[in-house]
């Protein structure tokens, strides 16, 4: 896809993610190419409940949001810019295995208990995200969880 054909990213855009079962998942764009994936899987965006909760937030490659394969079906603006940040996530040090909290573009040290249950920071490709939505956690298993340095 040429530079001119790439779509401009807009926070709050709702992407329709076609699934192999013929239904669709939907994800809302947050800052830093993060999608909040809705719990409901359905055939059409109009069937998505207005107050649907998110299953998870996940970083995706920017080109997935711009190549036109995932249609933008709506935009739900954020009340304030602060709301466009995904919740805190965990970055695991590749050498020590110790986790840190990543939030709003900043990393900070934390205890094991503060980060053990957080989403692990990663950039997910299309097939990885679709597998996860469909219930296959093989890609999540590859991501290393933080170790407890006190054990």
C-alpha atoms as a PDB file:
ATOM      1  CA  UNK A   1       0.000   0.000   0.000  1.00  0.00           C
ATOM      2  CA  UNK A   2       1.446   3.376  -0.955  1.00  0.00           C
ATOM      3  CA  UNK A   3       1.971   6.155   1.546  1.00  0.00           C
ATOM      4  CA  UNK A   4      -0.937   8.142   0.092  1.00  0.00           C
ATOM      5  CA  UNK A   5      -3.377   5.244   0.538  1.00  0.00           C
ATOM      6  CA  UNK A   6      -2.620   4.674   4.214  1.00  0.00           C
ATOM      7  CA  UNK A   7      -5.428   5.707   6.497  1.00  0.00           C
ATOM      8  CA  UNK A   8      -4.837   8.423   9.063  1.00  0.00           C
ATOM      9  CA  UNK A   9      -5.224   7.016  12.553  1.00  0.00           C
ATOM     10  CA  UNK A  10      -7.846   8.609  14.754  1.00  0.00           C
ATOM     11  CA  UNK A  11      -8.182   7.828  18.448  1.00  0.00           C
ATOM     12  CA  UNK A  12     -11.544   6.254  19.217  1.00  0.00           C
ATOM     13  CA  UNK A  13     -11.900   4.587  15.807  1.00  0.00           C
ATOM     14  CA  UNK A  14     -13.723   1.265  16.016  1.00  0.00           C
ATOM     15  CA  UNK A  15     -12.171  -1.450  13.843  1.00  0.00           C
ATOM     16  CA  UNK A  16     -14.140  -4.438  12.589  1.00  0.00           C
ATOM     17  CA  UNK A  17     -11.958  -7.551  12.797  1.00  0.00           C
ATOM     18  CA  UNK A  18     -13.276 -10.414  10.616  1.00  0.00           C
ATOM     19  CA  UNK A  19     -12.966 -13.809  12.282  1.00  0.00           C
ATOM     20  CA  UNK A  20     -12.692 -17.285  10.728  1.00  0.00           C
ATOM     21  CA  UNK A  21     -16.137 -18.244  12.086  1.00  0.00           C
ATOM     22  CA  UNK A  22     -17.835 -15.583   9.939  1.00  0.00           C
ATOM     23  CA  UNK A  23     -18.441 -13.212  12.847  1.00  0.00           C
ATOM     24  CA  UNK A  24     -16.539 -10.062  13.777  1.00  0.00           C
ATOM     25  CA  UNK A  25     -14.692  -8.757  16.778  1.00  0.00           C
ATOM     26  CA  UNK A  26     -14.401  -5.034  17.364  1.00  0.00           C
ATOM     27  CA  UNK A  27     -11.569  -2.989  18.787  1.00  0.00           C
ATOM     28  CA  UNK A  28     -11.351   0.676  19.799  1.00  0.00           C
ATOM     29  CA  UNK A  29      -8.136   2.563  19.078  1.00  0.00           C
ATOM     30  CA  UNK A  30      -6.252   3.975  22.053  1.00  0.00           C
ATOM     31  CA  UNK A  31      -2.914   5.777  22.076  1.00  0.00           C
ATOM     32  CA  UNK A  32       0.271   4.000  20.999  1.00  0.00           C
ATOM     33  CA  UNK A  33      -1.504   1.701  18.507  1.00  0.00           C
ATOM     34  CA  UNK A  34      -3.362  -0.087  21.279  1.00  0.00           C
ATOM     35  CA  UNK A  35      -6.708  -1.744  20.581  1.00  0.00           C
ATOM     36  CA  UNK A  36      -9.248  -2.347  23.310  1.00  0.00           C
ATOM     37  CA  UNK A  37     -11.012  -5.478  22.073  1.00  0.00           C
ATOM     38  CA  UNK A  38     -14.683  -5.687  23.008  1.00  0.00           C
ATOM     39  CA  UNK A  39     -16.100  -8.789  24.692  1.00  0.00           C
ATOM     40  CA  UNK A  40     -18.976  -9.206  22.242  1.00  0.00           C
ATOM     41  CA  UNK A  41     -18.405 -11.035  18.965  1.00  0.00           C
ATOM     42  CA  UNK A  42     -21.218 -10.494  16.478  1.00  0.00           C
ATOM     43  CA  UNK A  43     -22.120 -10.280  12.803  1.00  0.00           C
ATOM     44  CA  UNK A  44     -22.548  -6.513  12.638  1.00  0.00           C
ATOM     45  CA  UNK A  45     -21.369  -3.496  14.605  1.00  0.00           C
ATOM     46  CA  UNK A  46     -24.966  -2.411  15.238  1.00  0.00           C
ATOM     47  CA  UNK A  47     -25.351  -5.545  17.426  1.00  0.00           C
ATOM     48  CA  UNK A  48     -22.509  -4.479  19.730  1.00  0.00           C
ATOM     49  CA  UNK A  49     -24.071  -3.455  23.069  1.00  0.00           C
ATOM     50  CA  UNK A  50     -23.576   0.275  23.762  1.00  0.00           C
ATOM     51  CA  UNK A  51     -21.909  -0.362  27.125  1.00  0.00           C
ATOM     52  CA  UNK A  52     -19.952  -3.449  26.104  1.00  0.00           C
ATOM     53  CA  UNK A  53     -16.858  -4.102  28.192  1.00  0.00           C
ATOM     54  CA  UNK A  54     -13.383  -4.773  26.863  1.00  0.00           C
ATOM     55  CA  UNK A  55     -11.854  -8.266  26.961  1.00  0.00           C
ATOM     56  CA  UNK A  56      -8.304  -6.929  26.776  1.00  0.00           C
ATOM     57  CA  UNK A  57      -6.076  -4.151  25.490  1.00  0.00           C
ATOM     58  CA  UNK A  58      -3.277  -5.082  23.117  1.00  0.00           C
ATOM     59  CA  UNK A  59      -0.683  -3.221  21.072  1.00  0.00           C
ATOM     60  CA  UNK A  60      -0.775  -3.968  17.348  1.00  0.00           C
ATOM     61  CA  UNK A  61       1.469  -3.124  14.431  1.00  0.00           C
ATOM     62  CA  UNK A  62       0.569   0.269  12.959  1.00  0.00           C
ATOM     63  CA  UNK A  63       0.168  -1.099   9.423  1.00  0.00           C
ATOM     64  CA  UNK A  64      -2.717  -3.334  10.583  1.00  0.00           C
ATOM     65  CA  UNK A  65      -4.641  -0.189  11.407  1.00  0.00           C
ATOM     66  CA  UNK A  66      -3.902   1.462   8.072  1.00  0.00           C
ATOM     67  CA  UNK A  67      -3.979  -1.235   5.396  1.00  0.00           C
ATOM     68  CA  UNK A  68      -7.775  -1.291   5.031  1.00  0.00           C
ATOM     69  CA  UNK A  69      -8.257  -4.978   5.850  1.00  0.00           C
ATOM     70  CA  UNK A  70      -9.906  -4.038   9.133  1.00  0.00           C
ATOM     71  CA  UNK A  71     -12.734  -1.601   8.342  1.00  0.00           C
ATOM     72  CA  UNK A  72     -13.352   1.433  10.510  1.00  0.00           C
ATOM     73  CA  UNK A  73     -17.056   1.224  11.364  1.00  0.00           C
ATOM     74  CA  UNK A  74     -17.409   4.064  13.869  1.00  0.00           C
ATOM     75  CA  UNK A  75     -15.570   6.492  16.094  1.00  0.00           C
ATOM     76  CA  UNK A  76     -16.326   6.856  19.775  1.00  0.00           C
ATOM     77  CA  UNK A  77     -14.524   9.941  20.982  1.00  0.00           C
ATOM     78  CA  UNK A  78     -12.795   9.973  24.339  1.00  0.00           C
ATOM     79  CA  UNK A  79     -14.240  12.441  26.855  1.00  0.00           C
ATOM     80  CA  UNK A  80     -10.752  13.771  27.545  1.00  0.00           C
ATOM     81  CA  UNK A  81      -7.310  13.033  26.150  1.00  0.00           C
ATOM     82  CA  UNK A  82      -6.284  11.304  29.378  1.00  0.00           C
ATOM     83  CA  UNK A  83      -8.929   8.620  28.729  1.00  0.00           C
ATOM     84  CA  UNK A  84      -7.214   7.594  25.461  1.00  0.00           C
ATOM     85  CA  UNK A  85      -4.402   5.834  27.349  1.00  0.00           C
ATOM     86  CA  UNK A  86      -4.673   2.075  27.811  1.00  0.00           C
ATOM     87  CA  UNK A  87      -4.419   0.741  31.375  1.00  0.00           C
ATOM     88  CA  UNK A  88      -0.974  -0.029  32.814  1.00  0.00           C
ATOM     89  CA  UNK A  89       0.855  -2.967  31.240  1.00  0.00           C
ATOM     90  CA  UNK A  90       3.899  -5.024  32.204  1.00  0.00           C
ATOM     91  CA  UNK A  91       7.294  -4.976  30.509  1.00  0.00           C
ATOM     92  CA  UNK A  92       9.449  -7.983  31.391  1.00  0.00           C
ATOM     93  CA  UNK A  93      13.211  -7.479  31.351  1.00  0.00           C
ATOM     94  CA  UNK A  94      14.687 -10.025  28.918  1.00  0.00           C
ATOM     95  CA  UNK A  95      17.712 -10.688  31.143  1.00  0.00           C
ATOM     96  CA  UNK A  96      16.402 -10.530  34.715  1.00  0.00           C
ATOM     97  CA  UNK A  97      12.783 -11.535  34.072  1.00  0.00           C
ATOM     98  CA  UNK A  98      11.673  -8.776  36.450  1.00  0.00           C
ATOM     99  CA  UNK A  99       8.586  -6.808  35.499  1.00  0.00           C
ATOM    100  CA  UNK A 100       8.113  -3.052  35.326  1.00  0.00           C
ATOM    101  CA  UNK A 101       4.941  -1.070  34.793  1.00  0.00           C
ATOM    102  CA  UNK A 102       4.496   0.697  31.458  1.00  0.00           C
ATOM    103  CA  UNK A 103       1.874   3.438  31.531  1.00  0.00           C
ATOM    104  CA  UNK A 104       1.382   6.568  29.444  1.00  0.00           C
ATOM    105  CA  UNK A 105       4.694   6.103  27.666  1.00  0.00           C
ATOM    106  CA  UNK A 106       6.681   5.795  30.907  1.00  0.00           C
ATOM    107  CA  UNK A 107       8.272   2.825  32.659  1.00  0.00           C
ATOM    108  CA  UNK A 108       8.549   2.556  36.411  1.00  0.00           C
ATOM    109  CA  UNK A 109       9.795  -0.053  38.817  1.00  0.00           C
ATOM    110  CA  UNK A 110       7.191  -2.009  40.684  1.00  0.00           C
ATOM    111  CA  UNK A 111       6.714  -5.009  42.902  1.00  0.00           C
ATOM    112  CA  UNK A 112       5.935  -8.423  41.474  1.00  0.00           C
ATOM    113  CA  UNK A 113       2.389  -8.205  42.863  1.00  0.00           C
ATOM    114  CA  UNK A 114       1.797  -4.909  41.048  1.00  0.00           C
ATOM    115  CA  UNK A 115       2.603  -6.332  37.611  1.00  0.00           C
ATOM    116  CA  UNK A 116       2.029 -10.108  37.707  1.00  0.00           C
ATOM    117  CA  UNK A 117      -1.537  -9.936  36.346  1.00  0.00           C
ATOM    118  CA  UNK A 118      -1.076  -7.106  33.843  1.00  0.00           C
ATOM    119  CA  UNK A 119      -1.102  -7.498  30.061  1.00  0.00           C
ATOM    120  CA  UNK A 120       2.451  -8.068  28.794  1.00  0.00           C
ATOM    121  CA  UNK A 121       3.593  -5.327  26.408  1.00  0.00           C
ATOM    122  CA  UNK A 122       3.978  -6.679  22.876  1.00  0.00           C
ATOM    123  CA  UNK A 123       3.105  -5.693  19.327  1.00  0.00           C
ATOM    124  CA  UNK A 124       0.643  -8.267  18.022  1.00  0.00           C
ATOM    125  CA  UNK A 125       0.291  -9.186  14.369  1.00  0.00           C
ATOM    126  CA  UNK A 126      -3.085  -9.833  12.732  1.00  0.00           C
ATOM    127  CA  UNK A 127      -3.038 -13.636  12.998  1.00  0.00           C
ATOM    128  CA  UNK A 128      -1.884 -13.514  16.635  1.00  0.00           C
ATOM    129  CA  UNK A 129      -4.726 -11.216  17.624  1.00  0.00           C
ATOM    130  CA  UNK A 130      -7.336 -13.259  15.752  1.00  0.00           C
ATOM    131  CA  UNK A 131      -6.085 -16.464  17.396  1.00  0.00           C
ATOM    132  CA  UNK A 132      -6.368 -14.825  20.810  1.00  0.00           C
ATOM    133  CA  UNK A 133      -9.884 -13.542  20.148  1.00  0.00           C
ATOM    134  CA  UNK A 134     -10.882 -17.054  19.007  1.00  0.00           C
ATOM    135  CA  UNK A 135      -9.656 -18.489  22.323  1.00  0.00           C
ATOM    136  CA  UNK A 136      -6.276 -19.843  21.252  1.00  0.00           C
ATOM    137  CA  UNK A 137      -3.736 -18.635  23.795  1.00  0.00           C
ATOM    138  CA  UNK A 138      -0.611 -20.058  22.124  1.00  0.00           C
ATOM    139  CA  UNK A 139       0.792 -16.563  21.530  1.00  0.00           C
ATOM    140  CA  UNK A 140       0.136 -15.489  25.110  1.00  0.00           C
ATOM    141  CA  UNK A 141       2.037 -18.573  26.284  1.00  0.00           C
ATOM    142  CA  UNK A 142       5.117 -17.375  24.388  1.00  0.00           C
ATOM    143  CA  UNK A 143       5.154 -14.046  26.221  1.00  0.00           C
ATOM    144  CA  UNK A 144       7.189 -14.334  29.365  1.00  0.00           C
ATOM    145  CA  UNK A 145       5.450 -13.398  32.593  1.00  0.00           C
ATOM    146  CA  UNK A 146       7.488 -11.556  35.223  1.00  0.00           C
ATOM    147  CA  UNK A 147       9.312 -13.616  37.809  1.00  0.00           C
ATOM    148  CA  UNK A 148       8.946 -13.079  41.531  1.00  0.00           C
ATOM    149  CA  UNK A 149      12.455 -11.929  42.553  1.00  0.00           C
ATOM    150  CA  UNK A 150      11.697 -12.752  46.198  1.00  0.00           C
ATOM    151  CA  UNK A 151      11.346 -16.499  45.568  1.00  0.00           C
END
